Amino acid sequence: MESMKLAEAKWEGKTLVELKTLPPQQVWPFLADFFNLQKIVTDLETCYQVEGVPGQPGLIRYCAFQSTDDDQTNGLWGKEKLISMDPIKRCLSYEIIESNMGFGWYVGTMQVIPMNNDEGCIIEWSFVCDPIERMSSKDILFFIQKMAKNIEEAFLSGTSSTV
């Protein structure tokens, strides 16, 4: 009976990143571009459209990490589907539909929240997923925190397409 309860448990987490000098109307288009993932995940080799219409639910992207023999990400890939996008609330949700990274069910949500009278914003990034072998929910949260922080770095370094 105990193992059944463990199998039903879901991992959940959320991170907040404050971008004090970046207005939400500048950050949202960057996040809304579902193919900007390479600017957030620096060791991602490719991210491209597989099917669907950009900005519309049902859009699917394929992502793969750089292949190097001394890197643990060698050969890792995934397909992610846009579930919803709300430009008014500046919010999008996506799910991993296929991967070789050990994910079963996974849904992530990103929202840009205004602060300081739209002079800055907060990126709220949350997830819910099935447990993953050889990982913990803290590992996923750490990865999401790193990616959220990389959004700020992309703007500060001028590599975002909206700067």
C-alpha atoms as a PDB file:
ATOM      1  CA  MET A   1       0.000   0.000   0.000  1.00  0.00           C
ATOM      2  CA  GLU A   2       2.870   2.415   0.783  1.00  0.00           C
ATOM      3  CA  SER A   3       4.393   2.069  -2.726  1.00  0.00           C
ATOM      4  CA  MET A   4       1.005   2.907  -4.243  1.00  0.00           C
ATOM      5  CA  LYS A   5       0.945   6.190  -2.340  1.00  0.00           C
ATOM      6  CA  LEU A   6       4.462   6.998  -3.528  1.00  0.00           C
ATOM      7  CA  ALA A   7       3.507   6.291  -7.132  1.00  0.00           C
ATOM      8  CA  GLU A   8       0.592   8.724  -6.858  1.00  0.00           C
ATOM      9  CA  ALA A   9       2.685  11.557  -5.363  1.00  0.00           C
ATOM     10  CA  LYS A  10       3.458  14.518  -7.619  1.00  0.00           C
ATOM     11  CA  TRP A  11       6.408  16.837  -7.372  1.00  0.00           C
ATOM     12  CA  GLU A  12       5.620  20.550  -7.324  1.00  0.00           C
ATOM     13  CA  GLY A  13       7.822  23.598  -7.174  1.00  0.00           C
ATOM     14  CA  LYS A  14       7.922  27.290  -7.950  1.00  0.00           C
ATOM     15  CA  THR A  15      10.604  29.921  -8.313  1.00  0.00           C
ATOM     16  CA  LEU A  16      10.394  33.705  -8.543  1.00  0.00           C
ATOM     17  CA  VAL A  17      13.003  35.879 -10.245  1.00  0.00           C
ATOM     18  CA  GLU A  18      12.809  39.657  -9.863  1.00  0.00           C
ATOM     19  CA  LEU A  19      13.844  41.709 -12.873  1.00  0.00           C
ATOM     20  CA  LYS A  20      13.837  45.139 -11.258  1.00  0.00           C
ATOM     21  CA  THR A  21      14.771  47.133 -14.376  1.00  0.00           C
ATOM     22  CA  LEU A  22      12.975  45.128 -17.064  1.00  0.00           C
ATOM     23  CA  PRO A  23       9.320  46.011 -17.688  1.00  0.00           C
ATOM     24  CA  PRO A  24       6.859  43.156 -18.227  1.00  0.00           C
ATOM     25  CA  GLN A  25       6.003  44.405 -21.727  1.00  0.00           C
ATOM     26  CA  GLN A  26       9.659  43.816 -22.677  1.00  0.00           C
ATOM     27  CA  VAL A  27      10.052  40.411 -20.981  1.00  0.00           C
ATOM     28  CA  TRP A  28       6.740  38.851 -22.086  1.00  0.00           C
ATOM     29  CA  PRO A  29       7.503  38.755 -25.851  1.00  0.00           C
ATOM     30  CA  PHE A  30      10.788  36.992 -25.057  1.00  0.00           C
ATOM     31  CA  LEU A  31       8.986  34.287 -23.064  1.00  0.00           C
ATOM     32  CA  ALA A  32       6.064  34.094 -25.472  1.00  0.00           C
ATOM     33  CA  ASP A  33       8.498  33.121 -28.250  1.00  0.00           C
ATOM     34  CA  PHE A  34       8.367  29.378 -27.588  1.00  0.00           C
ATOM     35  CA  PHE A  35      11.629  28.896 -29.502  1.00  0.00           C
ATOM     36  CA  ASN A  36      13.823  31.177 -27.339  1.00  0.00           C
ATOM     37  CA  LEU A  37      14.794  28.257 -25.147  1.00  0.00           C
ATOM     38  CA  GLN A  38      18.388  28.244 -26.447  1.00  0.00           C
ATOM     39  CA  LYS A  39      18.835  31.717 -24.944  1.00  0.00           C
ATOM     40  CA  ILE A  40      17.706  30.380 -21.564  1.00  0.00           C
ATOM     41  CA  VAL A  41      19.350  26.946 -21.559  1.00  0.00           C
ATOM     42  CA  THR A  42      22.865  27.741 -22.704  1.00  0.00           C
ATOM     43  CA  ASP A  43      23.978  24.167 -23.444  1.00  0.00           C
ATOM     44  CA  LEU A  44      20.929  23.460 -25.611  1.00  0.00           C
ATOM     45  CA  GLU A  45      22.044  22.701 -29.150  1.00  0.00           C
ATOM     46  CA  THR A  46      18.751  23.105 -30.942  1.00  0.00           C
ATOM     47  CA  CYS A  47      15.159  24.183 -30.403  1.00  0.00           C
ATOM     48  CA  TYR A  48      12.758  24.221 -33.324  1.00  0.00           C
ATOM     49  CA  GLN A  49       9.112  23.894 -34.310  1.00  0.00           C
ATOM     50  CA  VAL A  50       7.826  20.389 -35.008  1.00  0.00           C
ATOM     51  CA  GLU A  51       4.170  21.211 -35.611  1.00  0.00           C
ATOM     52  CA  GLY A  52       1.439  23.702 -34.825  1.00  0.00           C
ATOM     53  CA  VAL A  53       1.068  27.463 -35.089  1.00  0.00           C
ATOM     54  CA  PRO A  54       3.455  29.771 -33.165  1.00  0.00           C
ATOM     55  CA  GLY A  55       1.744  31.294 -30.128  1.00  0.00           C
ATOM     56  CA  GLN A  56      -1.178  28.869 -30.289  1.00  0.00           C
ATOM     57  CA  PRO A  57      -1.939  25.897 -28.029  1.00  0.00           C
ATOM     58  CA  GLY A  58      -0.819  22.674 -29.673  1.00  0.00           C
ATOM     59  CA  LEU A  59       2.495  24.117 -30.844  1.00  0.00           C
ATOM     60  CA  ILE A  60       5.257  21.523 -30.364  1.00  0.00           C
ATOM     61  CA  ARG A  61       8.981  22.211 -30.095  1.00  0.00           C
ATOM     62  CA  TYR A  62      11.897  19.784 -30.239  1.00  0.00           C
ATOM     63  CA  CYS A  63      14.920  20.500 -28.033  1.00  0.00           C
ATOM     64  CA  ALA A  64      18.265  18.696 -27.847  1.00  0.00           C
ATOM     65  CA  PHE A  65      21.409  19.271 -25.824  1.00  0.00           C
ATOM     66  CA  GLN A  66      24.877  19.616 -27.296  1.00  0.00           C
ATOM     67  CA  SER A  67      26.610  16.307 -27.800  1.00  0.00           C
ATOM     68  CA  THR A  68      29.986  16.032 -26.112  1.00  0.00           C
ATOM     69  CA  ASP A  69      31.551  12.863 -24.741  1.00  0.00           C
ATOM     70  CA  ASP A  70      32.446  14.369 -21.359  1.00  0.00           C
ATOM     71  CA  ASP A  71      29.032  15.937 -20.728  1.00  0.00           C
ATOM     72  CA  GLN A  72      26.143  14.243 -18.894  1.00  0.00           C
ATOM     73  CA  THR A  73      23.650  15.860 -21.286  1.00  0.00           C
ATOM     74  CA  ASN A  74      25.059  13.929 -24.262  1.00  0.00           C
ATOM     75  CA  GLY A  75      22.167  12.877 -26.481  1.00  0.00           C
ATOM     76  CA  LEU A  76      19.365  14.242 -24.283  1.00  0.00           C
ATOM     77  CA  TRP A  77      16.286  15.539 -26.093  1.00  0.00           C
ATOM     78  CA  GLY A  78      12.634  16.327 -25.548  1.00  0.00           C
ATOM     79  CA  LYS A  79       9.445  17.464 -27.216  1.00  0.00           C
ATOM     80  CA  GLU A  80       7.330  20.076 -25.463  1.00  0.00           C
ATOM     81  CA  LYS A  81       3.787  21.138 -26.275  1.00  0.00           C
ATOM     82  CA  LEU A  82       2.321  24.569 -25.613  1.00  0.00           C
ATOM     83  CA  ILE A  83      -0.871  23.994 -23.607  1.00  0.00           C
ATOM     84  CA  SER A  84      -2.030  27.579 -23.162  1.00  0.00           C
ATOM     85  CA  MET A  85      -0.889  31.151 -23.743  1.00  0.00           C
ATOM     86  CA  ASP A  86      -2.578  34.224 -22.321  1.00  0.00           C
ATOM     87  CA  PRO A  87      -0.992  37.500 -23.497  1.00  0.00           C
ATOM     88  CA  ILE A  88      -3.260  39.550 -21.191  1.00  0.00           C
ATOM     89  CA  LYS A  89      -2.102  37.693 -18.059  1.00  0.00           C
ATOM     90  CA  ARG A  90       1.369  37.193 -19.653  1.00  0.00           C
ATOM     91  CA  CYS A  91       1.230  33.513 -18.833  1.00  0.00           C
ATOM     92  CA  LEU A  92       1.959  30.278 -20.693  1.00  0.00           C
ATOM     93  CA  SER A  93       1.860  26.592 -19.820  1.00  0.00           C
ATOM     94  CA  TYR A  94       3.615  23.734 -21.561  1.00  0.00           C
ATOM     95  CA  GLU A  95       4.045  20.012 -21.092  1.00  0.00           C
ATOM     96  CA  ILE A  96       6.789  17.545 -21.915  1.00  0.00           C
ATOM     97  CA  ILE A  97       5.158  15.051 -24.244  1.00  0.00           C
ATOM     98  CA  GLU A  98       8.179  12.913 -25.112  1.00  0.00           C
ATOM     99  CA  SER A  99      11.815  12.761 -23.999  1.00  0.00           C
ATOM    100  CA  ASN A 100      14.709  10.504 -23.149  1.00  0.00           C
ATOM    101  CA  MET A 101      15.422  12.378 -19.890  1.00  0.00           C
ATOM    102  CA  GLY A 102      13.242  10.268 -17.595  1.00  0.00           C
ATOM    103  CA  PHE A 103      10.206  12.563 -17.555  1.00  0.00           C
ATOM    104  CA  GLY A 104       6.778  11.000 -17.404  1.00  0.00           C
ATOM    105  CA  TRP A 105       4.075  13.599 -16.915  1.00  0.00           C
ATOM    106  CA  TYR A 106       5.375  17.188 -16.557  1.00  0.00           C
ATOM    107  CA  VAL A 107       3.612  20.583 -16.835  1.00  0.00           C
ATOM    108  CA  GLY A 108       5.391  23.923 -16.425  1.00  0.00           C
ATOM    109  CA  THR A 109       3.847  27.393 -16.167  1.00  0.00           C
ATOM    110  CA  MET A 110       5.612  30.720 -16.641  1.00  0.00           C
ATOM    111  CA  GLN A 111       4.056  34.085 -15.823  1.00  0.00           C
ATOM    112  CA  VAL A 112       5.402  37.637 -16.023  1.00  0.00           C
ATOM    113  CA  ILE A 113       4.033  39.668 -13.110  1.00  0.00           C
ATOM    114  CA  PRO A 114       4.367  43.496 -13.142  1.00  0.00           C
ATOM    115  CA  MET A 115       6.010  45.266 -10.204  1.00  0.00           C
ATOM    116  CA  ASN A 116       6.982  48.854  -9.372  1.00  0.00           C
ATOM    117  CA  ASN A 117       4.351  50.375 -11.700  1.00  0.00           C
ATOM    118  CA  ASP A 118       5.562  48.288 -14.667  1.00  0.00           C
ATOM    119  CA  GLU A 119       9.172  49.444 -14.251  1.00  0.00           C
ATOM    120  CA  GLY A 120      10.164  45.884 -13.370  1.00  0.00           C
ATOM    121  CA  CYS A 121       8.655  42.439 -13.232  1.00  0.00           C
ATOM    122  CA  ILE A 122       8.768  39.054 -11.589  1.00  0.00           C
ATOM    123  CA  ILE A 123       9.005  35.821 -13.539  1.00  0.00           C
ATOM    124  CA  GLU A 124       7.089  33.097 -11.739  1.00  0.00           C
ATOM    125  CA  TRP A 125       7.979  29.637 -13.022  1.00  0.00           C
ATOM    126  CA  SER A 126       6.207  26.628 -11.547  1.00  0.00           C
ATOM    127  CA  PHE A 127       6.013  22.932 -12.319  1.00  0.00           C
ATOM    128  CA  VAL A 128       4.089  19.794 -11.440  1.00  0.00           C
ATOM    129  CA  CYS A 129       5.415  16.411 -12.516  1.00  0.00           C
ATOM    130  CA  ASP A 130       5.649  12.723 -11.796  1.00  0.00           C
ATOM    131  CA  PRO A 131       8.739  11.711  -9.809  1.00  0.00           C
ATOM    132  CA  ILE A 132      11.808  11.106 -11.974  1.00  0.00           C
ATOM    133  CA  GLU A 133      14.286   8.305 -11.426  1.00  0.00           C
ATOM    134  CA  ARG A 134      17.743   9.376 -10.195  1.00  0.00           C
ATOM    135  CA  MET A 135      16.484  12.932  -9.535  1.00  0.00           C
ATOM    136  CA  SER A 136      14.697  14.855  -6.832  1.00  0.00           C
ATOM    137  CA  SER A 137      12.163  17.661  -7.029  1.00  0.00           C
ATOM    138  CA  LYS A 138      14.957  19.929  -5.754  1.00  0.00           C
ATOM    139  CA  ASP A 139      17.041  19.050  -8.844  1.00  0.00           C
ATOM    140  CA  ILE A 140      14.221  20.183 -11.126  1.00  0.00           C
ATOM    141  CA  LEU A 141      13.635  23.332  -9.084  1.00  0.00           C
ATOM    142  CA  PHE A 142      17.360  24.157  -9.236  1.00  0.00           C
ATOM    143  CA  PHE A 143      17.326  23.745 -13.038  1.00  0.00           C
ATOM    144  CA  ILE A 144      14.237  25.973 -13.365  1.00  0.00           C
ATOM    145  CA  GLN A 145      15.802  28.616 -11.086  1.00  0.00           C
ATOM    146  CA  LYS A 146      18.922  28.567 -13.265  1.00  0.00           C
ATOM    147  CA  MET A 147      16.870  28.967 -16.448  1.00  0.00           C
ATOM    148  CA  ALA A 148      14.787  31.786 -14.955  1.00  0.00           C
ATOM    149  CA  LYS A 149      17.981  33.578 -13.917  1.00  0.00           C
ATOM    150  CA  ASN A 150      19.354  33.052 -17.453  1.00  0.00           C
ATOM    151  CA  ILE A 151      16.411  35.077 -18.776  1.00  0.00           C
ATOM    152  CA  GLU A 152      17.746  38.076 -16.872  1.00  0.00           C
ATOM    153  CA  GLU A 153      21.268  37.345 -18.156  1.00  0.00           C
ATOM    154  CA  ALA A 154      19.973  37.240 -21.754  1.00  0.00           C
ATOM    155  CA  PHE A 155      18.557  40.743 -21.359  1.00  0.00           C
ATOM    156  CA  LEU A 156      21.596  42.139 -19.571  1.00  0.00           C
ATOM    157  CA  SER A 157      23.987  40.717 -22.172  1.00  0.00           C
ATOM    158  CA  GLY A 158      21.850  41.946 -25.066  1.00  0.00           C
ATOM    159  CA  THR A 159      21.229  38.461 -26.483  1.00  0.00           C
ATOM    160  CA  SER A 160      17.449  38.614 -26.154  1.00  0.00           C
ATOM    161  CA  SER A 161      15.652  39.298 -29.402  1.00  0.00           C
ATOM    162  CA  THR A 162      13.571  42.040 -27.774  1.00  0.00           C
ATOM    163  CA  VAL A 163      16.405  44.232 -26.452  1.00  0.00           C
END
